[in-house]
N, C-alpha and C. Protein backbone atom coordinates (compact mmCIF):
# COMPACT_ATOMS: atom_id res chain seq x y z
N MET A 1 -20.88 -0.87 3.67
CA MET A 1 -19.83 -0.33 4.52
C MET A 1 -18.68 -1.29 4.51
N ASN A 2 -17.46 -0.72 4.49
CA ASN A 2 -16.26 -1.54 4.51
C ASN A 2 -15.16 -0.85 5.27
N LEU A 3 -14.25 -1.61 5.82
CA LEU A 3 -13.10 -1.11 6.56
C LEU A 3 -11.86 -1.25 5.67
N TYR A 4 -11.10 -0.17 5.54
CA TYR A 4 -9.88 -0.16 4.75
C TYR A 4 -8.75 0.40 5.60
N PHE A 5 -7.54 -0.10 5.34
CA PHE A 5 -6.34 0.48 5.92
C PHE A 5 -5.56 1.08 4.78
N GLN A 6 -5.12 2.33 4.94
CA GLN A 6 -4.48 3.09 3.87
C GLN A 6 -3.03 3.38 4.26
N ASP A 7 -2.15 3.33 3.24
CA ASP A 7 -0.77 3.72 3.42
C ASP A 7 -0.18 3.97 2.06
N GLU A 8 1.03 4.49 2.05
CA GLU A 8 1.75 4.72 0.82
C GLU A 8 3.16 4.16 0.95
N SER A 9 3.75 3.81 -0.19
CA SER A 9 5.10 3.24 -0.17
C SER A 9 5.85 3.70 -1.41
N ARG A 10 7.14 3.88 -1.26
CA ARG A 10 8.00 4.35 -2.35
C ARG A 10 8.70 3.18 -2.99
N PHE A 11 8.76 3.23 -4.31
CA PHE A 11 9.48 2.22 -5.10
C PHE A 11 10.34 2.98 -6.11
N GLY A 12 11.53 2.48 -6.38
CA GLY A 12 12.41 3.19 -7.29
C GLY A 12 13.32 2.29 -8.08
N LEU A 13 14.20 2.94 -8.86
CA LEU A 13 15.08 2.21 -9.74
C LEU A 13 16.33 1.67 -9.03
N MET A 14 16.60 2.13 -7.80
CA MET A 14 17.76 1.64 -7.06
C MET A 14 17.49 0.19 -6.66
N THR A 15 18.44 -0.68 -6.92
CA THR A 15 18.31 -2.09 -6.60
C THR A 15 18.35 -2.27 -5.08
N HIS A 16 17.37 -3.03 -4.57
CA HIS A 16 17.35 -3.37 -3.15
C HIS A 16 17.80 -4.81 -3.01
N LEU A 17 18.87 -5.00 -2.33
CA LEU A 17 19.42 -6.34 -2.19
C LEU A 17 18.74 -7.10 -1.05
N GLY A 18 18.53 -8.37 -1.30
CA GLY A 18 17.90 -9.25 -0.30
C GLY A 18 18.60 -10.60 -0.30
N LYS A 19 18.22 -11.39 0.69
CA LYS A 19 18.80 -12.72 0.81
C LYS A 19 18.24 -13.64 -0.24
N CYS A 20 19.05 -14.65 -0.60
CA CYS A 20 18.59 -15.71 -1.48
C CYS A 20 19.37 -16.97 -1.20
N LEU A 21 18.84 -18.08 -1.64
CA LEU A 21 19.48 -19.38 -1.40
C LEU A 21 20.45 -19.69 -2.53
N THR A 22 21.64 -20.14 -2.17
CA THR A 22 22.63 -20.59 -3.14
C THR A 22 23.33 -21.81 -2.57
N ALA A 23 24.10 -22.48 -3.41
CA ALA A 23 24.90 -23.60 -2.97
C ALA A 23 25.98 -23.11 -2.00
N LYS A 24 26.42 -23.95 -1.10
CA LYS A 24 27.45 -23.57 -0.13
C LYS A 24 28.69 -23.10 -0.85
N GLY A 25 29.17 -21.91 -0.45
CA GLY A 25 30.39 -21.36 -1.04
C GLY A 25 30.15 -20.55 -2.28
N VAL A 26 28.93 -20.48 -2.78
CA VAL A 26 28.63 -19.74 -3.99
C VAL A 26 27.99 -18.41 -3.61
N LYS A 27 28.57 -17.31 -4.04
CA LYS A 27 28.00 -16.01 -3.75
C LYS A 27 27.03 -15.63 -4.86
N PRO A 28 25.84 -15.14 -4.48
CA PRO A 28 24.88 -14.77 -5.50
C PRO A 28 25.36 -13.53 -6.26
N ILE A 29 24.99 -13.47 -7.53
CA ILE A 29 25.32 -12.32 -8.36
C ILE A 29 24.03 -11.57 -8.66
N VAL A 30 24.02 -10.28 -8.33
CA VAL A 30 22.83 -9.47 -8.61
C VAL A 30 23.28 -8.24 -9.35
N ASN A 31 22.64 -7.93 -10.46
CA ASN A 31 22.90 -6.68 -11.17
C ASN A 31 22.40 -5.54 -10.32
N PHE A 32 23.29 -4.60 -10.03
CA PHE A 32 22.95 -3.49 -9.12
C PHE A 32 23.01 -2.19 -9.87
N GLN A 33 22.06 -1.32 -9.57
CA GLN A 33 22.14 0.04 -10.10
C GLN A 33 21.79 1.03 -8.99
N HIS A 34 22.36 2.19 -9.11
CA HIS A 34 22.24 3.23 -8.08
C HIS A 34 21.58 4.46 -8.67
N LYS A 35 20.25 4.38 -8.93
CA LYS A 35 19.51 5.50 -9.48
C LYS A 35 18.42 5.88 -8.46
N PHE A 36 18.15 7.18 -8.34
CA PHE A 36 17.22 7.68 -7.36
C PHE A 36 15.86 8.08 -7.93
N LYS A 37 15.48 7.64 -9.07
CA LYS A 37 14.15 7.93 -9.61
C LYS A 37 13.14 7.04 -8.89
N THR A 38 12.03 7.66 -8.40
CA THR A 38 11.06 6.90 -7.64
C THR A 38 9.63 7.23 -8.02
N THR A 39 8.74 6.36 -7.58
CA THR A 39 7.30 6.57 -7.69
C THR A 39 6.69 6.05 -6.39
N TYR A 40 5.45 6.39 -6.18
CA TYR A 40 4.77 5.99 -4.94
C TYR A 40 3.48 5.22 -5.27
N LEU A 41 3.19 4.25 -4.43
CA LEU A 41 1.89 3.59 -4.47
C LEU A 41 1.10 4.03 -3.24
N TYR A 42 -0.09 4.52 -3.47
CA TYR A 42 -1.06 4.79 -2.43
C TYR A 42 -1.99 3.62 -2.46
N GLY A 43 -2.27 2.97 -1.34
CA GLY A 43 -3.13 1.83 -1.34
C GLY A 43 -4.06 1.79 -0.16
N SER A 44 -5.25 1.28 -0.40
CA SER A 44 -6.23 1.01 0.66
C SER A 44 -6.62 -0.45 0.54
N TYR A 45 -6.46 -1.21 1.64
CA TYR A 45 -6.72 -2.62 1.63
C TYR A 45 -7.69 -2.97 2.74
N SER A 46 -8.64 -3.86 2.40
CA SER A 46 -9.66 -4.27 3.35
C SER A 46 -9.35 -5.66 3.91
N PRO A 47 -9.20 -5.76 5.23
CA PRO A 47 -9.05 -7.11 5.83
C PRO A 47 -10.38 -7.86 5.92
N ILE A 48 -11.47 -7.18 5.66
CA ILE A 48 -12.79 -7.79 5.77
C ILE A 48 -13.09 -8.68 4.54
N ASN A 49 -12.90 -8.11 3.34
CA ASN A 49 -13.24 -8.89 2.15
C ASN A 49 -12.09 -8.94 1.12
N GLY A 50 -10.93 -8.37 1.45
CA GLY A 50 -9.78 -8.40 0.56
C GLY A 50 -9.84 -7.40 -0.58
N ASP A 51 -10.81 -6.51 -0.52
CA ASP A 51 -10.93 -5.49 -1.54
C ASP A 51 -9.75 -4.50 -1.45
N ASN A 52 -9.42 -3.88 -2.59
CA ASN A 52 -8.31 -2.94 -2.55
C ASN A 52 -8.46 -1.87 -3.63
N PHE A 53 -7.82 -0.76 -3.38
CA PHE A 53 -7.75 0.33 -4.35
C PHE A 53 -6.33 0.90 -4.26
N VAL A 54 -5.61 0.86 -5.38
CA VAL A 54 -4.20 1.28 -5.40
C VAL A 54 -4.03 2.32 -6.49
N TRP A 55 -3.27 3.33 -6.19
CA TRP A 55 -3.03 4.46 -7.10
C TRP A 55 -1.56 4.73 -7.15
N GLU A 56 -0.98 4.79 -8.32
CA GLU A 56 0.45 5.09 -8.48
C GLU A 56 0.59 6.57 -8.88
N ILE A 57 1.47 7.28 -8.14
CA ILE A 57 1.68 8.71 -8.42
C ILE A 57 3.09 9.08 -7.98
N ASN A 58 3.60 10.14 -8.54
CA ASN A 58 4.98 10.57 -8.23
C ASN A 58 4.99 11.63 -7.14
N GLY A 59 4.91 11.22 -5.89
CA GLY A 59 5.06 12.12 -4.79
C GLY A 59 4.11 11.89 -3.66
N VAL A 60 4.36 12.60 -2.56
CA VAL A 60 3.47 12.57 -1.41
C VAL A 60 3.32 13.99 -0.90
N ASP A 61 2.10 14.46 -0.81
CA ASP A 61 1.79 15.72 -0.16
C ASP A 61 0.28 15.75 0.06
N THR A 62 -0.17 16.80 0.71
CA THR A 62 -1.58 16.91 1.10
C THR A 62 -2.49 16.96 -0.13
N ALA A 63 -2.09 17.69 -1.15
CA ALA A 63 -2.92 17.77 -2.36
C ALA A 63 -3.08 16.41 -3.03
N ILE A 64 -2.00 15.63 -3.08
CA ILE A 64 -2.06 14.32 -3.69
C ILE A 64 -2.94 13.41 -2.83
N PHE A 65 -2.82 13.49 -1.51
CA PHE A 65 -3.64 12.67 -0.62
C PHE A 65 -5.13 13.01 -0.82
N GLU A 66 -5.44 14.30 -0.95
CA GLU A 66 -6.83 14.71 -1.18
C GLU A 66 -7.33 14.16 -2.52
N ALA A 67 -6.50 14.22 -3.55
CA ALA A 67 -6.90 13.69 -4.88
C ALA A 67 -7.08 12.20 -4.79
N TYR A 68 -6.26 11.49 -4.02
CA TYR A 68 -6.39 10.05 -3.84
C TYR A 68 -7.72 9.73 -3.19
N LEU A 69 -8.08 10.46 -2.13
CA LEU A 69 -9.36 10.21 -1.45
C LEU A 69 -10.53 10.46 -2.41
N LYS A 70 -10.41 11.47 -3.23
CA LYS A 70 -11.47 11.78 -4.21
C LYS A 70 -11.65 10.61 -5.18
N GLN A 71 -10.53 10.07 -5.69
CA GLN A 71 -10.61 8.96 -6.63
C GLN A 71 -11.10 7.67 -5.91
N PHE A 72 -10.66 7.48 -4.67
CA PHE A 72 -11.07 6.31 -3.90
C PHE A 72 -12.58 6.37 -3.63
N SER A 73 -13.12 7.56 -3.41
CA SER A 73 -14.56 7.68 -3.15
C SER A 73 -15.37 7.28 -4.38
N LYS A 74 -14.80 7.45 -5.59
CA LYS A 74 -15.50 7.05 -6.82
C LYS A 74 -15.47 5.53 -7.05
N TYR A 75 -14.54 4.85 -6.39
CA TYR A 75 -14.45 3.41 -6.44
C TYR A 75 -15.56 2.86 -5.53
N LYS A 76 -16.51 2.15 -6.08
CA LYS A 76 -17.67 1.68 -5.34
C LYS A 76 -18.31 2.86 -4.58
N PRO A 77 -18.89 3.81 -5.34
CA PRO A 77 -19.35 5.05 -4.76
C PRO A 77 -20.49 4.89 -3.74
N LYS A 78 -21.24 3.80 -3.78
CA LYS A 78 -22.34 3.59 -2.82
C LYS A 78 -21.85 2.98 -1.50
N GLU A 79 -20.59 2.57 -1.47
CA GLU A 79 -19.99 1.96 -0.29
C GLU A 79 -19.48 3.05 0.66
N TYR A 80 -19.84 2.95 1.94
CA TYR A 80 -19.29 3.89 2.95
C TYR A 80 -17.98 3.26 3.42
N LYS A 81 -16.89 4.03 3.32
CA LYS A 81 -15.57 3.51 3.59
C LYS A 81 -15.03 4.09 4.88
N ILE A 82 -14.72 3.24 5.83
CA ILE A 82 -13.99 3.65 7.03
C ILE A 82 -12.52 3.37 6.72
N VAL A 83 -11.74 4.45 6.63
CA VAL A 83 -10.35 4.33 6.21
C VAL A 83 -9.45 4.70 7.37
N VAL A 84 -8.63 3.72 7.76
CA VAL A 84 -7.69 3.91 8.86
C VAL A 84 -6.38 4.44 8.26
N ILE A 85 -5.91 5.59 8.77
CA ILE A 85 -4.70 6.21 8.26
C ILE A 85 -3.69 6.40 9.38
N ASP A 86 -2.44 6.59 8.98
CA ASP A 86 -1.43 6.87 9.99
C ASP A 86 -1.32 8.37 10.19
N ASN A 87 -0.32 8.84 10.87
CA ASN A 87 -0.20 10.24 11.23
C ASN A 87 0.85 10.97 10.39
N ALA A 88 1.00 10.56 9.14
CA ALA A 88 1.95 11.26 8.26
C ALA A 88 1.53 12.71 8.14
N GLY A 89 2.51 13.60 8.03
CA GLY A 89 2.22 15.04 7.99
C GLY A 89 1.29 15.46 6.88
N PHE A 90 1.39 14.79 5.73
CA PHE A 90 0.51 15.16 4.60
C PHE A 90 -0.89 14.55 4.71
N HIS A 91 -1.15 13.80 5.77
CA HIS A 91 -2.51 13.30 6.03
C HIS A 91 -3.34 14.31 6.81
N SER A 92 -2.80 15.52 6.95
CA SER A 92 -3.52 16.57 7.66
C SER A 92 -4.87 16.79 7.01
N THR A 93 -5.93 16.78 7.79
CA THR A 93 -7.29 16.94 7.21
C THR A 93 -7.84 18.32 7.50
N LYS A 94 -7.02 19.25 7.96
CA LYS A 94 -7.50 20.58 8.27
C LYS A 94 -7.94 21.36 7.06
N ASN A 95 -7.19 21.29 5.95
CA ASN A 95 -7.46 22.09 4.78
C ASN A 95 -7.85 21.28 3.56
N ILE A 96 -8.35 20.04 3.78
CA ILE A 96 -8.77 19.23 2.63
C ILE A 96 -10.24 18.87 2.76
N THR A 97 -10.84 18.52 1.64
CA THR A 97 -12.20 18.08 1.62
C THR A 97 -12.22 16.56 1.58
N VAL A 98 -12.82 15.98 2.59
CA VAL A 98 -12.95 14.51 2.64
C VAL A 98 -14.31 14.15 2.06
N PRO A 99 -14.33 13.26 1.06
CA PRO A 99 -15.62 12.88 0.44
C PRO A 99 -16.61 12.35 1.45
N ASP A 100 -17.91 12.48 1.13
CA ASP A 100 -18.97 12.13 2.05
C ASP A 100 -19.02 10.62 2.37
N ASN A 101 -18.55 9.79 1.45
CA ASN A 101 -18.60 8.35 1.67
C ASN A 101 -17.32 7.79 2.29
N ILE A 102 -16.45 8.68 2.83
CA ILE A 102 -15.23 8.25 3.48
C ILE A 102 -15.16 8.85 4.87
N PHE A 103 -14.85 8.01 5.84
CA PHE A 103 -14.58 8.48 7.21
C PHE A 103 -13.14 8.09 7.52
N LEU A 104 -12.30 9.07 7.92
CA LEU A 104 -10.91 8.83 8.25
C LEU A 104 -10.74 8.61 9.74
N LEU A 105 -10.01 7.55 10.08
CA LEU A 105 -9.76 7.19 11.46
C LEU A 105 -8.24 7.02 11.63
N ARG A 106 -7.65 7.71 12.58
CA ARG A 106 -6.20 7.68 12.75
C ARG A 106 -5.79 6.59 13.74
N ILE A 107 -4.64 5.96 13.43
CA ILE A 107 -4.03 5.05 14.39
C ILE A 107 -3.13 5.92 15.29
N PRO A 108 -2.77 5.41 16.46
CA PRO A 108 -1.86 6.19 17.34
C PRO A 108 -0.53 6.48 16.65
N PRO A 109 0.12 7.58 17.02
CA PRO A 109 1.42 7.90 16.42
C PRO A 109 2.46 6.81 16.69
N TYR A 110 3.38 6.67 15.77
CA TYR A 110 4.52 5.74 15.88
C TYR A 110 4.09 4.30 16.14
N ALA A 111 3.01 3.89 15.48
CA ALA A 111 2.50 2.51 15.65
C ALA A 111 2.22 1.88 14.28
N PRO A 112 3.23 1.76 13.40
CA PRO A 112 2.95 1.18 12.07
C PRO A 112 2.49 -0.28 12.15
N GLU A 113 2.79 -0.96 13.26
CA GLU A 113 2.36 -2.35 13.37
C GLU A 113 0.85 -2.49 13.45
N LEU A 114 0.14 -1.39 13.71
CA LEU A 114 -1.32 -1.42 13.75
C LEU A 114 -1.94 -1.28 12.38
N ASN A 115 -1.14 -1.03 11.37
CA ASN A 115 -1.66 -0.85 10.00
C ASN A 115 -1.26 -2.04 9.14
N PRO A 116 -2.22 -2.94 8.85
CA PRO A 116 -1.89 -4.13 8.07
C PRO A 116 -1.47 -3.83 6.64
N CYS A 117 -1.66 -2.62 6.19
CA CYS A 117 -1.21 -2.21 4.87
C CYS A 117 0.31 -2.33 4.79
N GLU A 118 1.00 -2.15 5.91
CA GLU A 118 2.46 -2.30 5.94
C GLU A 118 2.87 -3.72 5.53
N GLN A 119 2.07 -4.74 5.89
CA GLN A 119 2.40 -6.10 5.49
C GLN A 119 2.21 -6.30 3.98
N VAL A 120 1.24 -5.59 3.38
CA VAL A 120 1.07 -5.67 1.94
C VAL A 120 2.31 -5.13 1.24
N TRP A 121 2.80 -3.98 1.72
CA TRP A 121 4.03 -3.41 1.12
C TRP A 121 5.19 -4.35 1.28
N GLN A 122 5.28 -4.99 2.45
CA GLN A 122 6.36 -5.94 2.69
C GLN A 122 6.27 -7.13 1.73
N TYR A 123 5.06 -7.60 1.50
CA TYR A 123 4.84 -8.70 0.56
C TYR A 123 5.34 -8.32 -0.85
N ILE A 124 4.97 -7.10 -1.30
CA ILE A 124 5.39 -6.65 -2.61
C ILE A 124 6.89 -6.44 -2.66
N LYS A 125 7.45 -5.82 -1.61
CA LYS A 125 8.89 -5.53 -1.61
C LYS A 125 9.75 -6.78 -1.50
N ASN A 126 9.24 -7.85 -0.92
CA ASN A 126 10.00 -9.11 -0.90
C ASN A 126 10.17 -9.66 -2.31
N ARG A 127 9.24 -9.38 -3.20
CA ARG A 127 9.35 -9.81 -4.59
C ARG A 127 10.11 -8.80 -5.42
N TYR A 128 10.28 -7.61 -4.93
CA TYR A 128 10.95 -6.50 -5.58
C TYR A 128 12.46 -6.55 -5.39
N LYS A 129 12.90 -7.21 -4.34
CA LYS A 129 14.31 -7.27 -4.00
C LYS A 129 15.10 -8.02 -5.09
N ASN A 130 16.35 -7.60 -5.29
CA ASN A 130 17.28 -8.21 -6.23
C ASN A 130 16.87 -8.07 -7.68
N GLN A 131 15.92 -7.19 -7.94
CA GLN A 131 15.49 -6.95 -9.34
C GLN A 131 16.06 -5.61 -9.80
N ARG A 132 16.35 -5.54 -11.07
CA ARG A 132 16.89 -4.31 -11.65
C ARG A 132 15.95 -3.88 -12.76
N PHE A 133 15.48 -2.64 -12.65
CA PHE A 133 14.59 -2.06 -13.67
C PHE A 133 15.34 -0.97 -14.41
N GLU A 134 15.39 -1.09 -15.71
CA GLU A 134 16.13 -0.11 -16.53
C GLU A 134 15.44 1.23 -16.59
N THR A 135 14.10 1.23 -16.65
CA THR A 135 13.34 2.46 -16.82
C THR A 135 12.22 2.51 -15.81
N MET A 136 11.71 3.71 -15.60
CA MET A 136 10.54 3.88 -14.73
C MET A 136 9.34 3.15 -15.31
N GLU A 137 9.22 3.13 -16.63
CA GLU A 137 8.08 2.44 -17.27
C GLU A 137 8.12 0.95 -16.95
N SER A 138 9.30 0.33 -16.96
CA SER A 138 9.38 -1.10 -16.66
C SER A 138 9.04 -1.32 -15.17
N LEU A 139 9.48 -0.45 -14.30
CA LEU A 139 9.16 -0.58 -12.87
C LEU A 139 7.64 -0.42 -12.65
N LYS A 140 7.05 0.58 -13.29
CA LYS A 140 5.62 0.82 -13.14
C LYS A 140 4.80 -0.36 -13.68
N LYS A 141 5.27 -0.93 -14.80
CA LYS A 141 4.56 -2.10 -15.34
C LYS A 141 4.68 -3.28 -14.37
N TRP A 142 5.85 -3.49 -13.78
CA TRP A 142 6.02 -4.56 -12.80
C TRP A 142 5.13 -4.35 -11.61
N LEU A 143 5.07 -3.09 -11.09
CA LEU A 143 4.20 -2.79 -9.95
C LEU A 143 2.74 -3.01 -10.28
N HIS A 144 2.35 -2.55 -11.47
CA HIS A 144 0.94 -2.73 -11.91
C HIS A 144 0.59 -4.22 -11.93
N ASN A 145 1.45 -5.03 -12.53
CA ASN A 145 1.19 -6.47 -12.59
C ASN A 145 1.17 -7.10 -11.19
N SER A 146 2.10 -6.70 -10.33
CA SER A 146 2.16 -7.24 -8.97
C SER A 146 0.89 -6.96 -8.20
N VAL A 147 0.43 -5.71 -8.27
CA VAL A 147 -0.74 -5.29 -7.52
C VAL A 147 -2.01 -5.97 -8.10
N ASN A 148 -2.12 -6.01 -9.40
CA ASN A 148 -3.32 -6.58 -10.02
C ASN A 148 -3.40 -8.08 -9.92
N ASN A 149 -2.26 -8.76 -9.68
CA ASN A 149 -2.28 -10.20 -9.57
C ASN A 149 -2.54 -10.69 -8.13
N MET A 150 -2.73 -9.75 -7.21
CA MET A 150 -3.03 -10.14 -5.83
C MET A 150 -4.52 -10.38 -5.70
N SER A 151 -4.89 -11.58 -5.36
CA SER A 151 -6.32 -11.93 -5.22
C SER A 151 -6.88 -11.36 -3.92
N ASN A 152 -8.19 -11.31 -3.83
CA ASN A 152 -8.82 -10.87 -2.58
C ASN A 152 -8.49 -11.82 -1.43
N ASP A 153 -8.39 -13.10 -1.71
CA ASP A 153 -8.04 -14.07 -0.66
C ASP A 153 -6.61 -13.84 -0.16
N LEU A 154 -5.71 -13.52 -1.10
CA LEU A 154 -4.33 -13.24 -0.70
C LEU A 154 -4.27 -11.97 0.18
N ILE A 155 -4.98 -10.94 -0.22
CA ILE A 155 -5.01 -9.69 0.54
C ILE A 155 -5.59 -9.93 1.94
N LYS A 156 -6.67 -10.71 2.00
CA LYS A 156 -7.25 -11.05 3.32
C LYS A 156 -6.26 -11.79 4.17
N SER A 157 -5.52 -12.75 3.57
CA SER A 157 -4.58 -13.53 4.33
C SER A 157 -3.43 -12.66 4.88
N ILE A 158 -3.04 -11.62 4.12
CA ILE A 158 -1.97 -10.74 4.56
C ILE A 158 -2.46 -9.77 5.61
N THR A 159 -3.65 -9.19 5.40
CA THR A 159 -4.11 -8.09 6.27
C THR A 159 -5.03 -8.51 7.39
N SER A 160 -5.56 -9.70 7.34
CA SER A 160 -6.55 -10.10 8.35
C SER A 160 -5.97 -10.17 9.74
N ASN A 161 -6.75 -9.69 10.67
CA ASN A 161 -6.44 -9.72 12.08
C ASN A 161 -7.77 -9.88 12.79
N TYR A 162 -7.87 -10.86 13.65
CA TYR A 162 -9.18 -11.12 14.24
C TYR A 162 -9.69 -9.96 15.06
N HIS A 163 -8.81 -9.11 15.57
CA HIS A 163 -9.28 -7.94 16.32
C HIS A 163 -10.09 -7.04 15.41
N TYR A 164 -9.61 -6.78 14.21
CA TYR A 164 -10.31 -5.91 13.24
C TYR A 164 -11.57 -6.58 12.71
N THR A 165 -11.43 -7.82 12.28
CA THR A 165 -12.57 -8.48 11.64
C THR A 165 -13.70 -8.72 12.65
N ASN A 166 -13.36 -9.18 13.87
CA ASN A 166 -14.40 -9.37 14.87
C ASN A 166 -15.10 -8.07 15.26
N ALA A 167 -14.32 -7.03 15.47
CA ALA A 167 -14.90 -5.74 15.85
C ALA A 167 -15.75 -5.18 14.73
N PHE A 168 -15.34 -5.31 13.51
CA PHE A 168 -16.10 -4.78 12.37
C PHE A 168 -17.37 -5.59 12.14
N ASN A 169 -17.28 -6.91 12.20
CA ASN A 169 -18.43 -7.75 11.95
C ASN A 169 -19.49 -7.67 13.03
N THR A 170 -19.08 -7.41 14.28
CA THR A 170 -20.06 -7.32 15.37
C THR A 170 -20.76 -5.96 15.38
N THR A 171 -20.20 -4.95 14.74
CA THR A 171 -20.83 -3.63 14.70
C THR A 171 -21.83 -3.52 13.58
N LEU A 172 -21.82 -4.44 12.63
CA LEU A 172 -22.75 -4.35 11.48
C LEU A 172 -24.12 -4.84 11.83
């Protein structure tokens, strides 16, 4: 059994500007582009052991969410997954089939601070700022490398919260 927090985040070719250090009086120069092509990362991250499952896909809707859950259930199929989700409209579970090894648990509405997955996206997006990607393929390659280079210890350090870990460990 494992506890995961799930969320999705959009990444695109439009340059996102961020702060950087420069010498006094020197303005930083960043190549900027204004393109609206995007992709999404669906991710489930465990604050218990740092395990993760990330899926890149172009869009968000109920059918994609259901397909994500199906693929996630195949990842460590003998593991029972308690997956904490937010209240996004496409997370509606009325007309979807939730795999047997997944239990979905909702956080209260309008409370993204309760989902540590948000900190993972922030970690990735801090490294994404001020970068310019010419093609979607180069962006997807960068995302793939960024996600795959995150160790379990790094994920635990980003997502860990003693409220979750203590509650989860005492129930086992």
